[in-house]
C-alpha atoms as a PDB file:
ATOM      1  CA  UNK A   1      62.587 -44.773 -61.110  1.00  0.00           C
ATOM      2  CA  UNK A   2      59.845 -42.414 -62.246  1.00  0.00           C
ATOM      3  CA  UNK A   3      57.028 -44.937 -61.810  1.00  0.00           C
ATOM      4  CA  UNK A   4      57.709 -44.935 -58.059  1.00  0.00           C
ATOM      5  CA  UNK A   5      57.622 -41.155 -57.679  1.00  0.00           C
ATOM      6  CA  UNK A   6      54.558 -40.017 -55.725  1.00  0.00           C
ATOM      7  CA  UNK A   7      54.052 -37.148 -58.207  1.00  0.00           C
ATOM      8  CA  UNK A   8      53.843 -39.561 -61.130  1.00  0.00           C
ATOM      9  CA  UNK A   9      51.602 -42.008 -59.263  1.00  0.00           C
ATOM     10  CA  UNK A  10      49.157 -39.226 -58.364  1.00  0.00           C
ATOM     11  CA  UNK A  11      49.194 -37.764 -61.888  1.00  0.00           C
ATOM     12  CA  UNK A  12      48.609 -41.168 -63.485  1.00  0.00           C
ATOM     13  CA  UNK A  13      45.917 -42.023 -60.929  1.00  0.00           C
ATOM     14  CA  UNK A  14      44.017 -38.788 -61.587  1.00  0.00           C
ATOM     15  CA  UNK A  15      44.261 -39.264 -65.357  1.00  0.00           C
ATOM     16  CA  UNK A  16      43.171 -42.898 -65.127  1.00  0.00           C
ATOM     17  CA  UNK A  17      40.241 -42.123 -62.821  1.00  0.00           C
ATOM     18  CA  UNK A  18      39.085 -39.204 -64.993  1.00  0.00           C
ATOM     19  CA  UNK A  19      39.154 -41.303 -68.146  1.00  0.00           C
ATOM     20  CA  UNK A  20      37.741 -44.438 -66.541  1.00  0.00           C
ATOM     21  CA  UNK A  21      34.792 -42.620 -64.966  1.00  0.00           C
ATOM     22  CA  UNK A  22      34.046 -40.736 -68.158  1.00  0.00           C
ATOM     23  CA  UNK A  23      33.901 -44.001 -70.073  1.00  0.00           C
ATOM     24  CA  UNK A  24      32.112 -45.832 -67.241  1.00  0.00           C
ATOM     25  CA  UNK A  25      29.265 -43.298 -67.049  1.00  0.00           C
ATOM     26  CA  UNK A  26      29.130 -42.407 -70.741  1.00  0.00           C
ATOM     27  CA  UNK A  27      28.769 -46.050 -71.751  1.00  0.00           C
ATOM     28  CA  UNK A  28      25.926 -46.675 -69.322  1.00  0.00           C
ATOM     29  CA  UNK A  29      24.005 -43.379 -69.703  1.00  0.00           C
ATOM     30  CA  UNK A  30      22.354 -43.935 -73.107  1.00  0.00           C
ATOM     31  CA  UNK A  31      21.390 -47.476 -72.119  1.00  0.00           C
ATOM     32  CA  UNK A  32      19.982 -46.195 -68.844  1.00  0.00           C
ATOM     33  CA  UNK A  33      18.011 -43.553 -70.726  1.00  0.00           C
ATOM     34  CA  UNK A  34      16.391 -46.246 -72.858  1.00  0.00           C
ATOM     35  CA  UNK A  35      15.719 -48.355 -69.746  1.00  0.00           C
ATOM     36  CA  UNK A  36      13.961 -45.325 -68.219  1.00  0.00           C
ATOM     37  CA  UNK A  37      11.704 -44.988 -71.262  1.00  0.00           C
ATOM     38  CA  UNK A  38      13.416 -42.088 -73.008  1.00  0.00           C
ATOM     39  CA  UNK A  39      13.623 -41.963 -76.797  1.00  0.00           C
ATOM     40  CA  UNK A  40      16.635 -42.919 -78.869  1.00  0.00           C
ATOM     41  CA  UNK A  41      16.744 -39.327 -80.136  1.00  0.00           C
ATOM     42  CA  UNK A  42      17.097 -38.061 -76.559  1.00  0.00           C
ATOM     43  CA  UNK A  43      19.928 -40.510 -75.929  1.00  0.00           C
ATOM     44  CA  UNK A  44      21.673 -39.488 -79.134  1.00  0.00           C
ATOM     45  CA  UNK A  45      21.363 -35.784 -78.370  1.00  0.00           C
ATOM     46  CA  UNK A  46      22.688 -36.315 -74.851  1.00  0.00           C
ATOM     47  CA  UNK A  47      25.766 -38.083 -76.226  1.00  0.00           C
ATOM     48  CA  UNK A  48      26.306 -35.375 -78.836  1.00  0.00           C
ATOM     49  CA  UNK A  49      26.356 -32.674 -76.156  1.00  0.00           C
ATOM     50  CA  UNK A  50      28.598 -34.859 -74.022  1.00  0.00           C
ATOM     51  CA  UNK A  51      31.186 -35.080 -76.807  1.00  0.00           C
ATOM     52  CA  UNK A  52      31.031 -31.314 -77.348  1.00  0.00           C
ATOM     53  CA  UNK A  53      31.509 -30.818 -73.592  1.00  0.00           C
ATOM     54  CA  UNK A  54      34.524 -33.135 -73.687  1.00  0.00           C
ATOM     55  CA  UNK A  55      36.429 -31.250 -76.363  1.00  0.00           C
ATOM     56  CA  UNK A  56      35.152 -27.643 -76.526  1.00  0.00           C
ATOM     57  CA  UNK A  57      36.889 -26.618 -73.252  1.00  0.00           C
ATOM     58  CA  UNK A  58      40.220 -27.606 -74.823  1.00  0.00           C
ATOM     59  CA  UNK A  59      40.337 -24.147 -76.391  1.00  0.00           C
ATOM     60  CA  UNK A  60      41.040 -22.687 -72.931  1.00  0.00           C
ATOM     61  CA  UNK A  61      42.060 -25.590 -70.642  1.00  0.00           C
ATOM     62  CA  UNK A  62      45.753 -24.973 -71.334  1.00  0.00           C
ATOM     63  CA  UNK A  63      45.413 -21.322 -70.325  1.00  0.00           C
ATOM     64  CA  UNK A  64      43.643 -22.356 -67.123  1.00  0.00           C
ATOM     65  CA  UNK A  65      46.492 -24.762 -66.335  1.00  0.00           C
ATOM     66  CA  UNK A  66      49.046 -22.004 -66.952  1.00  0.00           C
ATOM     67  CA  UNK A  67      47.168 -19.537 -64.773  1.00  0.00           C
ATOM     68  CA  UNK A  68      45.988 -21.738 -61.884  1.00  0.00           C
ATOM     69  CA  UNK A  69      48.215 -24.813 -62.074  1.00  0.00           C
ATOM     70  CA  UNK A  70      47.541 -28.330 -63.284  1.00  0.00           C
ATOM     71  CA  UNK A  71      46.644 -29.632 -59.819  1.00  0.00           C
ATOM     72  CA  UNK A  72      43.834 -27.115 -59.376  1.00  0.00           C
ATOM     73  CA  UNK A  73      42.458 -27.822 -62.842  1.00  0.00           C
ATOM     74  CA  UNK A  74      42.475 -31.557 -62.074  1.00  0.00           C
ATOM     75  CA  UNK A  75      40.668 -30.865 -58.783  1.00  0.00           C
ATOM     76  CA  UNK A  76      37.956 -28.901 -60.601  1.00  0.00           C
ATOM     77  CA  UNK A  77      37.654 -31.698 -63.161  1.00  0.00           C
ATOM     78  CA  UNK A  78      37.240 -34.348 -60.475  1.00  0.00           C
ATOM     79  CA  UNK A  79      34.707 -32.143 -58.677  1.00  0.00           C
ATOM     80  CA  UNK A  80      32.685 -31.771 -61.886  1.00  0.00           C
ATOM     81  CA  UNK A  81      32.687 -35.537 -62.386  1.00  0.00           C
ATOM     82  CA  UNK A  82      31.384 -35.906 -58.815  1.00  0.00           C
ATOM     83  CA  UNK A  83      28.692 -33.282 -59.453  1.00  0.00           C
ATOM     84  CA  UNK A  84      27.696 -35.103 -62.637  1.00  0.00           C
ATOM     85  CA  UNK A  85      27.090 -38.296 -60.641  1.00  0.00           C
ATOM     86  CA  UNK A  86      25.146 -36.360 -58.010  1.00  0.00           C
ATOM     87  CA  UNK A  87      22.949 -34.800 -60.701  1.00  0.00           C
ATOM     88  CA  UNK A  88      22.331 -38.266 -62.132  1.00  0.00           C
ATOM     89  CA  UNK A  89      21.231 -39.479 -58.699  1.00  0.00           C
ATOM     90  CA  UNK A  90      18.808 -36.542 -58.385  1.00  0.00           C
ATOM     91  CA  UNK A  91      16.425 -37.903 -61.023  1.00  0.00           C
ATOM     92  CA  UNK A  92      15.857 -39.803 -64.246  1.00  0.00           C
ATOM     93  CA  UNK A  93      14.337 -37.072 -66.405  1.00  0.00           C
ATOM     94  CA  UNK A  94      15.991 -36.342 -69.743  1.00  0.00           C
ATOM     95  CA  UNK A  95      17.387 -33.108 -68.262  1.00  0.00           C
ATOM     96  CA  UNK A  96      19.136 -35.066 -65.485  1.00  0.00           C
ATOM     97  CA  UNK A  97      20.785 -37.382 -67.998  1.00  0.00           C
ATOM     98  CA  UNK A  98      21.836 -34.508 -70.265  1.00  0.00           C
ATOM     99  CA  UNK A  99      23.236 -32.458 -67.370  1.00  0.00           C
ATOM    100  CA  UNK A 100      25.081 -35.545 -66.121  1.00  0.00           C
ATOM    101  CA  UNK A 101      26.647 -36.123 -69.522  1.00  0.00           C
ATOM    102  CA  UNK A 102      27.600 -32.470 -70.080  1.00  0.00           C
ATOM    103  CA  UNK A 103      29.172 -32.076 -66.620  1.00  0.00           C
ATOM    104  CA  UNK A 104      30.944 -35.388 -67.113  1.00  0.00           C
ATOM    105  CA  UNK A 105      32.404 -34.180 -70.424  1.00  0.00           C
ATOM    106  CA  UNK A 106      33.782 -30.931 -68.993  1.00  0.00           C
ATOM    107  CA  UNK A 107      35.023 -32.775 -65.886  1.00  0.00           C
ATOM    108  CA  UNK A 108      36.855 -35.294 -68.049  1.00  0.00           C
ATOM    109  CA  UNK A 109      38.484 -32.516 -70.051  1.00  0.00           C
ATOM    110  CA  UNK A 110      39.832 -30.719 -66.980  1.00  0.00           C
ATOM    111  CA  UNK A 111      40.712 -33.928 -65.130  1.00  0.00           C
ATOM    112  CA  UNK A 112      42.457 -35.711 -67.969  1.00  0.00           C
ATOM    113  CA  UNK A 113      44.256 -32.751 -69.549  1.00  0.00           C
ATOM    114  CA  UNK A 114      45.286 -31.445 -66.132  1.00  0.00           C
ATOM    115  CA  UNK A 115      46.615 -34.879 -65.144  1.00  0.00           C
ATOM    116  CA  UNK A 116      48.489 -35.119 -68.449  1.00  0.00           C
ATOM    117  CA  UNK A 117      50.132 -31.773 -67.637  1.00  0.00           C
ATOM    118  CA  UNK A 118      51.105 -33.145 -64.207  1.00  0.00           C
ATOM    119  CA  UNK A 119      52.765 -36.135 -65.873  1.00  0.00           C
ATOM    120  CA  UNK A 120      54.896 -33.729 -67.927  1.00  0.00           C
ATOM    121  CA  UNK A 121      56.327 -32.372 -64.667  1.00  0.00           C
ATOM    122  CA  UNK A 122      57.582 -35.826 -63.641  1.00  0.00           C
ATOM    123  CA  UNK A 123      60.314 -36.533 -66.168  1.00  0.00           C
ATOM    124  CA  UNK A 124      63.245 -35.161 -68.103  1.00  0.00           C
ATOM    125  CA  UNK A 125      62.969 -34.827 -71.909  1.00  0.00           C
ATOM    126  CA  UNK A 126      65.001 -37.992 -72.524  1.00  0.00           C
ATOM    127  CA  UNK A 127      62.584 -40.002 -70.333  1.00  0.00           C
ATOM    128  CA  UNK A 128      59.476 -38.750 -72.115  1.00  0.00           C
ATOM    129  CA  UNK A 129      58.813 -41.807 -74.289  1.00  0.00           C
ATOM    130  CA  UNK A 130      58.904 -44.356 -71.479  1.00  0.00           C
ATOM    131  CA  UNK A 131      56.919 -42.230 -69.031  1.00  0.00           C
ATOM    132  CA  UNK A 132      54.222 -41.357 -71.556  1.00  0.00           C
ATOM    133  CA  UNK A 133      53.970 -45.010 -72.617  1.00  0.00           C
ATOM    134  CA  UNK A 134      53.495 -46.150 -69.015  1.00  0.00           C
ATOM    135  CA  UNK A 135      50.959 -43.406 -68.344  1.00  0.00           C
ATOM    136  CA  UNK A 136      48.993 -44.277 -71.492  1.00  0.00           C
ATOM    137  CA  UNK A 137      49.011 -47.968 -70.563  1.00  0.00           C
ATOM    138  CA  UNK A 138      47.637 -47.192 -67.097  1.00  0.00           C
ATOM    139  CA  UNK A 139      45.036 -44.691 -68.310  1.00  0.00           C
ATOM    140  CA  UNK A 140      43.693 -46.696 -71.222  1.00  0.00           C
ATOM    141  CA  UNK A 141      43.863 -50.021 -69.399  1.00  0.00           C
ATOM    142  CA  UNK A 142      41.771 -48.548 -66.602  1.00  0.00           C
ATOM    143  CA  UNK A 143      39.415 -46.988 -69.142  1.00  0.00           C
ATOM    144  CA  UNK A 144      38.810 -50.405 -70.707  1.00  0.00           C
ATOM    145  CA  UNK A 145      37.930 -51.841 -67.285  1.00  0.00           C
ATOM    146  CA  UNK A 146      35.427 -49.020 -66.775  1.00  0.00           C
ATOM    147  CA  UNK A 147      33.893 -49.536 -70.163  1.00  0.00           C
ATOM    148  CA  UNK A 148      33.477 -53.282 -69.788  1.00  0.00           C
ATOM    149  CA  UNK A 149      32.136 -53.144 -66.236  1.00  0.00           C
ATOM    150  CA  UNK A 150      29.505 -50.421 -66.670  1.00  0.00           C
ATOM    151  CA  UNK A 151      27.105 -52.432 -68.827  1.00  0.00           C
ATOM    152  CA  UNK A 152      27.085 -55.415 -66.492  1.00  0.00           C
ATOM    153  CA  UNK A 153      26.592 -53.237 -63.432  1.00  0.00           C
ATOM    154  CA  UNK A 154      23.790 -51.325 -65.155  1.00  0.00           C
ATOM    155  CA  UNK A 155      22.030 -54.518 -66.232  1.00  0.00           C
ATOM    156  CA  UNK A 156      22.300 -56.168 -62.821  1.00  0.00           C
ATOM    157  CA  UNK A 157      21.871 -53.251 -60.419  1.00  0.00           C
ATOM    158  CA  UNK A 158      20.559 -50.234 -62.345  1.00  0.00           C
ATOM    159  CA  UNK A 159      21.631 -46.692 -63.149  1.00  0.00           C
ATOM    160  CA  UNK A 160      21.792 -45.425 -59.568  1.00  0.00           C
ATOM    161  CA  UNK A 161      24.284 -48.190 -58.676  1.00  0.00           C
ATOM    162  CA  UNK A 162      26.512 -47.149 -61.577  1.00  0.00           C
ATOM    163  CA  UNK A 163      26.462 -43.590 -60.235  1.00  0.00           C
ATOM    164  CA  UNK A 164      27.148 -44.630 -56.637  1.00  0.00           C
ATOM    165  CA  UNK A 165      30.063 -46.862 -57.659  1.00  0.00           C
ATOM    166  CA  UNK A 166      31.680 -43.915 -59.460  1.00  0.00           C
ATOM    167  CA  UNK A 167      32.284 -42.168 -56.128  1.00  0.00           C
ATOM    168  CA  UNK A 168      34.795 -44.801 -54.924  1.00  0.00           C
ATOM    169  CA  UNK A 169      37.570 -44.194 -57.494  1.00  0.00           C
ATOM    170  CA  UNK A 170      36.733 -40.497 -57.439  1.00  0.00           C
ATOM    171  CA  UNK A 171      37.332 -40.349 -53.680  1.00  0.00           C
ATOM    172  CA  UNK A 172      40.660 -42.154 -54.135  1.00  0.00           C
ATOM    173  CA  UNK A 173      41.850 -39.642 -56.746  1.00  0.00           C
ATOM    174  CA  UNK A 174      40.678 -36.631 -54.706  1.00  0.00           C
ATOM    175  CA  UNK A 175      42.418 -37.980 -51.583  1.00  0.00           C
ATOM    176  CA  UNK A 176      45.664 -38.546 -53.511  1.00  0.00           C
ATOM    177  CA  UNK A 177      45.514 -35.061 -55.016  1.00  0.00           C
ATOM    178  CA  UNK A 178      44.826 -33.570 -51.582  1.00  0.00           C
ATOM    179  CA  UNK A 179      47.781 -35.402 -50.037  1.00  0.00           C
ATOM    180  CA  UNK A 180      50.007 -34.156 -52.830  1.00  0.00           C
ATOM    181  CA  UNK A 181      48.879 -30.575 -52.238  1.00  0.00           C
ATOM    182  CA  UNK A 182      49.543 -30.851 -48.496  1.00  0.00           C
ATOM    183  CA  UNK A 183      52.984 -32.413 -49.046  1.00  0.00           C
ATOM    184  CA  UNK A 184      54.075 -29.756 -51.535  1.00  0.00           C
ATOM    185  CA  UNK A 185      56.875 -27.639 -50.041  1.00  0.00           C
ATOM    186  CA  UNK A 186      56.081 -24.010 -49.351  1.00  0.00           C
ATOM    187  CA  UNK A 187      58.114 -21.704 -51.638  1.00  0.00           C
ATOM    188  CA  UNK A 188      60.757 -19.654 -49.797  1.00  0.00           C
ATOM    189  CA  UNK A 189      59.011 -16.350 -50.645  1.00  0.00           C
ATOM    190  CA  UNK A 190      55.858 -17.535 -48.831  1.00  0.00           C
ATOM    191  CA  UNK A 191      57.893 -18.649 -45.794  1.00  0.00           C
ATOM    192  CA  UNK A 192      59.679 -15.293 -45.565  1.00  0.00           C
ATOM    193  CA  UNK A 193      56.406 -13.386 -45.629  1.00  0.00           C
ATOM    194  CA  UNK A 194      54.982 -15.397 -42.732  1.00  0.00           C
END
């Protein structure tokens, strides 16, 4: 069963974490900006650049996956999401919020598209419909949890708590991706050269 394959579990986990954290932080950021006294225009502009950062890299993400591999692209995406949270923790100026949102957008693009490419490696063509349906259910179900929980956490504990909480699922996805990379068999050409 594909859903029990470690490759599928890791791919779905990375996709779900990328999407959930993007939605978790994106939902809270404009509200946090207003709570910190920034203008509505600043919040709107930050979200506009975030959306551009989410989709503009798509022009070359596929080429990066082909050249470096989906796992490496996912790793860069997760790292960018982590950097976006770290930038958010560094201050509450408009520039911190905008940088957080832009890094988050690019990180989501690499993380989610890379994870989607990993899912494609987990099934045969005739299994595509079921595997994609399960992956979508996991990703978008997790995204909904992130979206609903961010506002409550922001209201009760503040922006910095939202950022700190984001590191927990991020660490889980990075650890899973790292384990997958270590467990990957070494190709015979690399073994012969050793």
